[in-house]
Amino acid sequence: MGILNEFKAFAVKGNVVDMAVGIIIGAAFGKIVSSFVGDVVMPPIGLLIGGVDFSDLAITLKAAEGDIPAVMLSYGKFIQTVLDFVIVAFAIFMGVKVINKLKREEAEAPTVPPVPTAEEVLLTEIRDLLKNQQKP
């Protein structure tokens, strides 16, 4: 039962749950970016360079023979994947940049010492009076 309890303690920690949520959101964001690149960005680029569909760009290394499929070097899909990566990396960069800016502003904000409560002021006066009474 010790291993089960240790696993339970590990699995319910806030960091693990936060990481799991981040991974799920990241996977969904990756699908959105892939769709954006494949369906929005690449068609106009392909149209500008002569109606080329990047996902179909490939070099045939060996033609198909009977039941053996052709060996293809699909560099168009690679181009789309690189663009996916660049967009995701840029989005993450912008997010980190905003977070760092907020942290800098938070660090630069002057911290005003808290105003002592009436109770604290009274206790300070009592302490000072007791110190003065103990001195000869």
N, C-alpha and C. Protein backbone atom coordinates (compact mmCIF):
# COMPACT_ATOMS: atom_id res chain seq x y z
N MET A 1 0.81 -1.20 0.00
CA MET A 1 0.00 0.00 0.00
C MET A 1 0.85 1.26 0.00
N GLY A 2 2.11 1.16 0.38
CA GLY A 2 2.97 2.33 0.43
C GLY A 2 3.16 2.97 -0.92
N ILE A 3 3.37 2.16 -1.95
CA ILE A 3 3.58 2.68 -3.30
C ILE A 3 2.31 3.37 -3.79
N LEU A 4 1.16 2.78 -3.50
CA LEU A 4 -0.11 3.36 -3.93
C LEU A 4 -0.33 4.72 -3.27
N ASN A 5 -0.01 4.84 -1.99
CA ASN A 5 -0.15 6.12 -1.29
C ASN A 5 0.83 7.15 -1.82
N GLU A 6 2.06 6.73 -2.11
CA GLU A 6 3.04 7.65 -2.68
C GLU A 6 2.59 8.15 -4.05
N PHE A 7 2.06 7.23 -4.87
CA PHE A 7 1.59 7.63 -6.19
C PHE A 7 0.42 8.60 -6.07
N LYS A 8 -0.49 8.34 -5.14
CA LYS A 8 -1.64 9.23 -4.93
C LYS A 8 -1.16 10.62 -4.52
N ALA A 9 -0.21 10.68 -3.59
CA ALA A 9 0.33 11.97 -3.15
C ALA A 9 1.00 12.70 -4.31
N PHE A 10 1.70 11.97 -5.16
CA PHE A 10 2.36 12.56 -6.32
C PHE A 10 1.33 13.07 -7.34
N ALA A 11 0.32 12.26 -7.62
CA ALA A 11 -0.64 12.57 -8.68
C ALA A 11 -1.54 13.74 -8.34
N VAL A 12 -1.80 13.98 -7.07
CA VAL A 12 -2.70 15.07 -6.71
C VAL A 12 -1.97 16.36 -6.37
N LYS A 13 -0.66 16.36 -6.50
CA LYS A 13 0.08 17.60 -6.28
C LYS A 13 -0.34 18.61 -7.33
N GLY A 14 -0.34 19.87 -6.97
CA GLY A 14 -0.75 20.93 -7.89
C GLY A 14 0.08 20.99 -9.15
N ASN A 15 1.39 20.77 -9.04
CA ASN A 15 2.25 20.88 -10.21
C ASN A 15 1.93 19.82 -11.25
N VAL A 16 1.63 18.61 -10.81
CA VAL A 16 1.32 17.53 -11.75
C VAL A 16 0.02 17.82 -12.48
N VAL A 17 -0.98 18.29 -11.74
CA VAL A 17 -2.27 18.61 -12.36
C VAL A 17 -2.10 19.77 -13.33
N ASP A 18 -1.37 20.80 -12.93
CA ASP A 18 -1.12 21.94 -13.82
C ASP A 18 -0.40 21.50 -15.08
N MET A 19 0.58 20.62 -14.93
CA MET A 19 1.32 20.13 -16.09
C MET A 19 0.39 19.35 -17.03
N ALA A 20 -0.48 18.52 -16.47
CA ALA A 20 -1.41 17.75 -17.30
C ALA A 20 -2.35 18.68 -18.07
N VAL A 21 -2.85 19.70 -17.41
CA VAL A 21 -3.72 20.67 -18.08
C VAL A 21 -2.94 21.38 -19.19
N GLY A 22 -1.71 21.74 -18.92
CA GLY A 22 -0.89 22.40 -19.93
C GLY A 22 -0.64 21.52 -21.15
N ILE A 23 -0.41 20.24 -20.92
CA ILE A 23 -0.18 19.31 -22.02
C ILE A 23 -1.43 19.17 -22.87
N ILE A 24 -2.58 19.06 -22.23
CA ILE A 24 -3.84 18.92 -22.97
C ILE A 24 -4.13 20.18 -23.78
N ILE A 25 -3.96 21.34 -23.17
CA ILE A 25 -4.19 22.60 -23.89
C ILE A 25 -3.16 22.76 -25.00
N GLY A 26 -1.93 22.36 -24.74
CA GLY A 26 -0.89 22.44 -25.78
C GLY A 26 -1.20 21.56 -26.97
N ALA A 27 -1.72 20.37 -26.73
CA ALA A 27 -2.08 19.48 -27.84
C ALA A 27 -3.22 20.09 -28.66
N ALA A 28 -4.20 20.65 -27.98
CA ALA A 28 -5.31 21.30 -28.70
C ALA A 28 -4.80 22.51 -29.48
N PHE A 29 -3.90 23.27 -28.88
CA PHE A 29 -3.33 24.44 -29.55
C PHE A 29 -2.53 24.00 -30.77
N GLY A 30 -1.83 22.88 -30.67
CA GLY A 30 -1.07 22.36 -31.81
C GLY A 30 -1.98 22.01 -32.97
N LYS A 31 -3.14 21.43 -32.68
CA LYS A 31 -4.10 21.11 -33.75
C LYS A 31 -4.63 22.38 -34.40
N ILE A 32 -4.89 23.40 -33.59
CA ILE A 32 -5.37 24.67 -34.14
C ILE A 32 -4.31 25.28 -35.04
N VAL A 33 -3.07 25.26 -34.61
CA VAL A 33 -1.99 25.83 -35.42
C VAL A 33 -1.81 25.03 -36.70
N SER A 34 -1.88 23.71 -36.61
CA SER A 34 -1.75 22.89 -37.82
C SER A 34 -2.85 23.21 -38.82
N SER A 35 -4.06 23.36 -38.34
CA SER A 35 -5.17 23.72 -39.22
C SER A 35 -4.96 25.12 -39.79
N PHE A 36 -4.50 26.05 -38.96
CA PHE A 36 -4.26 27.41 -39.43
C PHE A 36 -3.22 27.43 -40.54
N VAL A 37 -2.14 26.71 -40.33
CA VAL A 37 -1.08 26.69 -41.35
C VAL A 37 -1.55 25.97 -42.60
N GLY A 38 -2.14 24.79 -42.43
CA GLY A 38 -2.54 23.98 -43.59
C GLY A 38 -3.71 24.55 -44.36
N ASP A 39 -4.66 25.18 -43.65
CA ASP A 39 -5.89 25.61 -44.30
C ASP A 39 -5.97 27.11 -44.57
N VAL A 40 -5.17 27.91 -43.87
CA VAL A 40 -5.26 29.37 -44.04
C VAL A 40 -3.98 29.96 -44.63
N VAL A 41 -2.82 29.57 -44.10
CA VAL A 41 -1.56 30.19 -44.52
C VAL A 41 -1.05 29.60 -45.83
N MET A 42 -1.01 28.27 -45.92
CA MET A 42 -0.38 27.64 -47.08
C MET A 42 -1.14 27.81 -48.40
N PRO A 43 -2.48 27.77 -48.44
CA PRO A 43 -3.15 27.95 -49.73
C PRO A 43 -2.83 29.28 -50.42
N PRO A 44 -2.86 30.43 -49.71
CA PRO A 44 -2.47 31.66 -50.41
C PRO A 44 -1.01 31.68 -50.86
N ILE A 45 -0.13 31.10 -50.04
CA ILE A 45 1.29 31.03 -50.44
C ILE A 45 1.43 30.16 -51.68
N GLY A 46 0.73 29.03 -51.69
CA GLY A 46 0.75 28.16 -52.86
C GLY A 46 0.19 28.85 -54.09
N LEU A 47 -0.86 29.65 -53.91
CA LEU A 47 -1.45 30.39 -55.02
C LEU A 47 -0.49 31.43 -55.55
N LEU A 48 0.23 32.09 -54.65
CA LEU A 48 1.19 33.11 -55.07
C LEU A 48 2.35 32.53 -55.89
N ILE A 49 2.71 31.28 -55.60
CA ILE A 49 3.84 30.70 -56.33
C ILE A 49 3.38 29.76 -57.43
N GLY A 50 2.14 29.93 -57.85
CA GLY A 50 1.69 29.19 -59.03
C GLY A 50 0.72 28.06 -58.75
N GLY A 51 -0.09 28.15 -57.74
CA GLY A 51 -1.11 27.15 -57.48
C GLY A 51 -0.58 25.85 -56.92
N VAL A 52 0.51 25.89 -56.20
CA VAL A 52 1.12 24.68 -55.65
C VAL A 52 0.48 24.36 -54.30
N ASP A 53 0.10 23.10 -54.09
CA ASP A 53 -0.38 22.63 -52.80
C ASP A 53 0.82 22.02 -52.08
N PHE A 54 1.27 22.66 -51.02
CA PHE A 54 2.49 22.23 -50.35
C PHE A 54 2.41 20.81 -49.80
N SER A 55 1.23 20.39 -49.37
CA SER A 55 1.13 19.05 -48.79
C SER A 55 1.37 17.97 -49.84
N ASP A 56 1.23 18.31 -51.13
CA ASP A 56 1.46 17.34 -52.19
C ASP A 56 2.89 17.38 -52.74
N LEU A 57 3.69 18.33 -52.30
CA LEU A 57 5.06 18.42 -52.80
C LEU A 57 5.88 17.24 -52.30
N ALA A 58 6.45 16.51 -53.22
CA ALA A 58 7.25 15.34 -52.85
C ALA A 58 8.15 14.95 -54.01
N ILE A 59 9.18 14.25 -53.70
CA ILE A 59 10.08 13.69 -54.70
C ILE A 59 9.95 12.18 -54.63
N THR A 60 9.72 11.55 -55.77
CA THR A 60 9.61 10.10 -55.81
C THR A 60 11.02 9.52 -55.88
N LEU A 61 11.40 8.79 -54.85
CA LEU A 61 12.71 8.16 -54.82
C LEU A 61 12.69 6.82 -55.53
N LYS A 62 11.56 6.11 -55.42
CA LYS A 62 11.43 4.82 -56.09
C LYS A 62 9.95 4.66 -56.45
N ALA A 63 9.67 4.42 -57.71
CA ALA A 63 8.29 4.28 -58.17
C ALA A 63 7.66 3.01 -57.60
N ALA A 64 6.34 3.03 -57.53
CA ALA A 64 5.61 1.87 -57.04
C ALA A 64 5.76 0.71 -58.01
N GLU A 65 5.90 -0.48 -57.47
CA GLU A 65 6.03 -1.69 -58.29
C GLU A 65 5.09 -2.75 -57.74
N GLY A 66 4.01 -3.01 -58.43
CA GLY A 66 3.06 -4.04 -57.99
C GLY A 66 2.43 -3.67 -56.66
N ASP A 67 2.64 -4.53 -55.67
CA ASP A 67 2.08 -4.30 -54.33
C ASP A 67 2.97 -3.40 -53.47
N ILE A 68 4.17 -3.11 -53.92
CA ILE A 68 5.12 -2.29 -53.16
C ILE A 68 4.82 -0.82 -53.44
N PRO A 69 4.49 -0.03 -52.40
CA PRO A 69 4.18 1.39 -52.61
C PRO A 69 5.44 2.17 -52.99
N ALA A 70 5.22 3.33 -53.56
CA ALA A 70 6.33 4.20 -53.95
C ALA A 70 7.03 4.75 -52.71
N VAL A 71 8.30 5.01 -52.83
CA VAL A 71 9.08 5.63 -51.76
C VAL A 71 9.14 7.11 -52.09
N MET A 72 8.56 7.93 -51.20
CA MET A 72 8.44 9.36 -51.46
C MET A 72 9.17 10.17 -50.38
N LEU A 73 9.75 11.28 -50.81
CA LEU A 73 10.34 12.25 -49.91
C LEU A 73 9.37 13.44 -49.89
N SER A 74 8.50 13.49 -48.88
CA SER A 74 7.42 14.48 -48.81
C SER A 74 7.90 15.76 -48.13
N TYR A 75 8.61 16.59 -48.88
CA TYR A 75 9.15 17.81 -48.30
C TYR A 75 8.08 18.88 -48.11
N GLY A 76 6.95 18.80 -48.78
CA GLY A 76 5.86 19.75 -48.59
C GLY A 76 5.27 19.65 -47.19
N LYS A 77 5.09 18.43 -46.71
CA LYS A 77 4.59 18.23 -45.35
C LYS A 77 5.60 18.75 -44.33
N PHE A 78 6.88 18.59 -44.65
CA PHE A 78 7.93 19.10 -43.77
C PHE A 78 7.85 20.63 -43.69
N ILE A 79 7.64 21.29 -44.83
CA ILE A 79 7.52 22.75 -44.83
C ILE A 79 6.35 23.18 -43.95
N GLN A 80 5.21 22.48 -44.06
CA GLN A 80 4.06 22.81 -43.22
C GLN A 80 4.38 22.60 -41.74
N THR A 81 5.08 21.54 -41.43
CA THR A 81 5.44 21.26 -40.04
C THR A 81 6.38 22.32 -39.50
N VAL A 82 7.31 22.77 -40.31
CA VAL A 82 8.23 23.84 -39.88
C VAL A 82 7.44 25.12 -39.61
N LEU A 83 6.49 25.45 -40.48
CA LEU A 83 5.67 26.64 -40.24
C LEU A 83 4.83 26.48 -38.98
N ASP A 84 4.30 25.28 -38.75
CA ASP A 84 3.57 25.01 -37.50
C ASP A 84 4.46 25.33 -36.30
N PHE A 85 5.68 24.81 -36.35
CA PHE A 85 6.62 25.02 -35.25
C PHE A 85 6.93 26.50 -35.05
N VAL A 86 7.16 27.21 -36.14
CA VAL A 86 7.50 28.64 -36.03
C VAL A 86 6.35 29.41 -35.40
N ILE A 87 5.12 29.10 -35.80
CA ILE A 87 3.97 29.81 -35.23
C ILE A 87 3.80 29.47 -33.76
N VAL A 88 3.91 28.21 -33.39
CA VAL A 88 3.80 27.82 -31.98
C VAL A 88 4.92 28.45 -31.17
N ALA A 89 6.15 28.41 -31.67
CA ALA A 89 7.28 28.99 -30.96
C ALA A 89 7.09 30.50 -30.77
N PHE A 90 6.57 31.18 -31.79
CA PHE A 90 6.34 32.62 -31.69
C PHE A 90 5.25 32.90 -30.65
N ALA A 91 4.18 32.12 -30.66
CA ALA A 91 3.10 32.31 -29.68
C ALA A 91 3.63 32.10 -28.27
N ILE A 92 4.43 31.07 -28.06
CA ILE A 92 5.00 30.81 -26.73
C ILE A 92 5.95 31.94 -26.35
N PHE A 93 6.76 32.41 -27.28
CA PHE A 93 7.67 33.52 -27.03
C PHE A 93 6.90 34.76 -26.57
N MET A 94 5.80 35.06 -27.28
CA MET A 94 5.01 36.24 -26.92
C MET A 94 4.39 36.06 -25.52
N GLY A 95 3.91 34.86 -25.22
CA GLY A 95 3.35 34.61 -23.90
C GLY A 95 4.38 34.77 -22.80
N VAL A 96 5.57 34.21 -23.00
CA VAL A 96 6.64 34.33 -22.01
C VAL A 96 7.08 35.79 -21.87
N LYS A 97 7.11 36.50 -22.98
CA LYS A 97 7.50 37.91 -22.95
C LYS A 97 6.51 38.72 -22.10
N VAL A 98 5.22 38.47 -22.27
CA VAL A 98 4.20 39.17 -21.47
C VAL A 98 4.35 38.82 -19.99
N ILE A 99 4.55 37.53 -19.69
CA ILE A 99 4.70 37.11 -18.30
C ILE A 99 5.93 37.75 -17.68
N ASN A 100 7.05 37.78 -18.42
CA ASN A 100 8.27 38.41 -17.89
C ASN A 100 8.06 39.90 -17.66
N LYS A 101 7.33 40.57 -18.55
CA LYS A 101 7.05 42.00 -18.38
C LYS A 101 6.22 42.23 -17.12
N LEU A 102 5.22 41.38 -16.90
CA LEU A 102 4.40 41.52 -15.70
C LEU A 102 5.24 41.28 -14.44
N LYS A 103 6.15 40.31 -14.49
CA LYS A 103 7.02 40.04 -13.34
C LYS A 103 7.94 41.22 -13.06
N ARG A 104 8.49 41.84 -14.14
CA ARG A 104 9.36 43.00 -13.96
C ARG A 104 8.60 44.16 -13.34
N GLU A 105 7.37 44.41 -13.84
CA GLU A 105 6.57 45.50 -13.28
C GLU A 105 6.24 45.23 -11.83
N GLU A 106 5.98 43.97 -11.50
CA GLU A 106 5.68 43.60 -10.12
C GLU A 106 6.91 43.81 -9.24
N ALA A 107 8.09 43.46 -9.76
CA ALA A 107 9.32 43.61 -8.99
C ALA A 107 9.70 45.08 -8.83
N GLU A 108 9.42 45.90 -9.82
CA GLU A 108 9.77 47.31 -9.78
C GLU A 108 8.82 48.12 -8.91
N ALA A 109 7.63 47.63 -8.68
CA ALA A 109 6.65 48.36 -7.87
C ALA A 109 7.20 48.51 -6.46
N PRO A 110 7.23 49.76 -5.97
CA PRO A 110 7.76 49.96 -4.62
C PRO A 110 6.81 49.34 -3.59
N THR A 111 7.42 48.68 -2.65
CA THR A 111 6.62 48.05 -1.61
C THR A 111 6.50 49.02 -0.45
N VAL A 112 5.30 49.41 -0.15
CA VAL A 112 5.03 50.31 0.96
C VAL A 112 4.86 49.47 2.21
N PRO A 113 5.61 49.82 3.25
CA PRO A 113 5.46 49.02 4.47
C PRO A 113 4.04 49.16 5.00
N PRO A 114 3.50 48.10 5.52
CA PRO A 114 2.12 48.16 6.01
C PRO A 114 2.00 49.09 7.22
N VAL A 115 0.91 49.81 7.27
CA VAL A 115 0.66 50.71 8.39
C VAL A 115 0.29 49.85 9.60
N PRO A 116 0.97 50.10 10.74
CA PRO A 116 0.67 49.27 11.90
C PRO A 116 -0.76 49.52 12.39
N THR A 117 -1.36 48.46 12.87
CA THR A 117 -2.72 48.57 13.39
C THR A 117 -2.67 49.28 14.74
N ALA A 118 -3.83 49.68 15.20
CA ALA A 118 -3.91 50.35 16.51
C ALA A 118 -3.39 49.44 17.61
N GLU A 119 -3.67 48.16 17.47
CA GLU A 119 -3.21 47.19 18.47
C GLU A 119 -1.68 47.12 18.49
N GLU A 120 -1.07 47.11 17.32
CA GLU A 120 0.39 47.06 17.25
C GLU A 120 1.02 48.33 17.83
N VAL A 121 0.41 49.48 17.54
CA VAL A 121 0.93 50.74 18.08
C VAL A 121 0.86 50.71 19.61
N LEU A 122 -0.26 50.25 20.15
CA LEU A 122 -0.42 50.17 21.61
C LEU A 122 0.60 49.22 22.22
N LEU A 123 0.80 48.06 21.60
CA LEU A 123 1.79 47.11 22.12
C LEU A 123 3.21 47.69 22.06
N THR A 124 3.51 48.45 21.02
CA THR A 124 4.83 49.08 20.92
C THR A 124 5.02 50.09 22.04
N GLU A 125 3.99 50.87 22.32
CA GLU A 125 4.09 51.85 23.41
C GLU A 125 4.29 51.15 24.76
N ILE A 126 3.55 50.06 24.97
CA ILE A 126 3.70 49.31 26.22
C ILE A 126 5.12 48.75 26.33
N ARG A 127 5.65 48.21 25.25
CA ARG A 127 7.02 47.68 25.26
C ARG A 127 8.02 48.78 25.63
N ASP A 128 7.86 49.93 24.99
CA ASP A 128 8.79 51.04 25.26
C ASP A 128 8.69 51.51 26.71
N LEU A 129 7.47 51.57 27.25
CA LEU A 129 7.30 51.98 28.65
C LEU A 129 7.97 50.97 29.59
N LEU A 130 7.81 49.67 29.29
CA LEU A 130 8.44 48.66 30.14
C LEU A 130 9.95 48.74 30.07
N LYS A 131 10.51 49.02 28.89
CA LYS A 131 11.97 49.18 28.77
C LYS A 131 12.44 50.37 29.61
N ASN A 132 11.69 51.46 29.56
CA ASN A 132 12.10 52.66 30.30
C ASN A 132 12.01 52.45 31.81
N GLN A 133 11.08 51.63 32.28
CA GLN A 133 10.93 51.38 33.72
C GLN A 133 12.07 50.49 34.23
N GLN A 134 12.62 49.63 33.39
CA GLN A 134 13.67 48.70 33.82
C GLN A 134 15.04 49.40 33.90
N LYS A 135 15.19 50.53 33.22
CA LYS A 135 16.47 51.23 33.26
C LYS A 135 16.60 52.00 34.59
N PRO A 136 17.79 51.91 35.28
CA PRO A 136 17.97 52.60 36.57
C PRO A 136 18.19 54.09 36.41
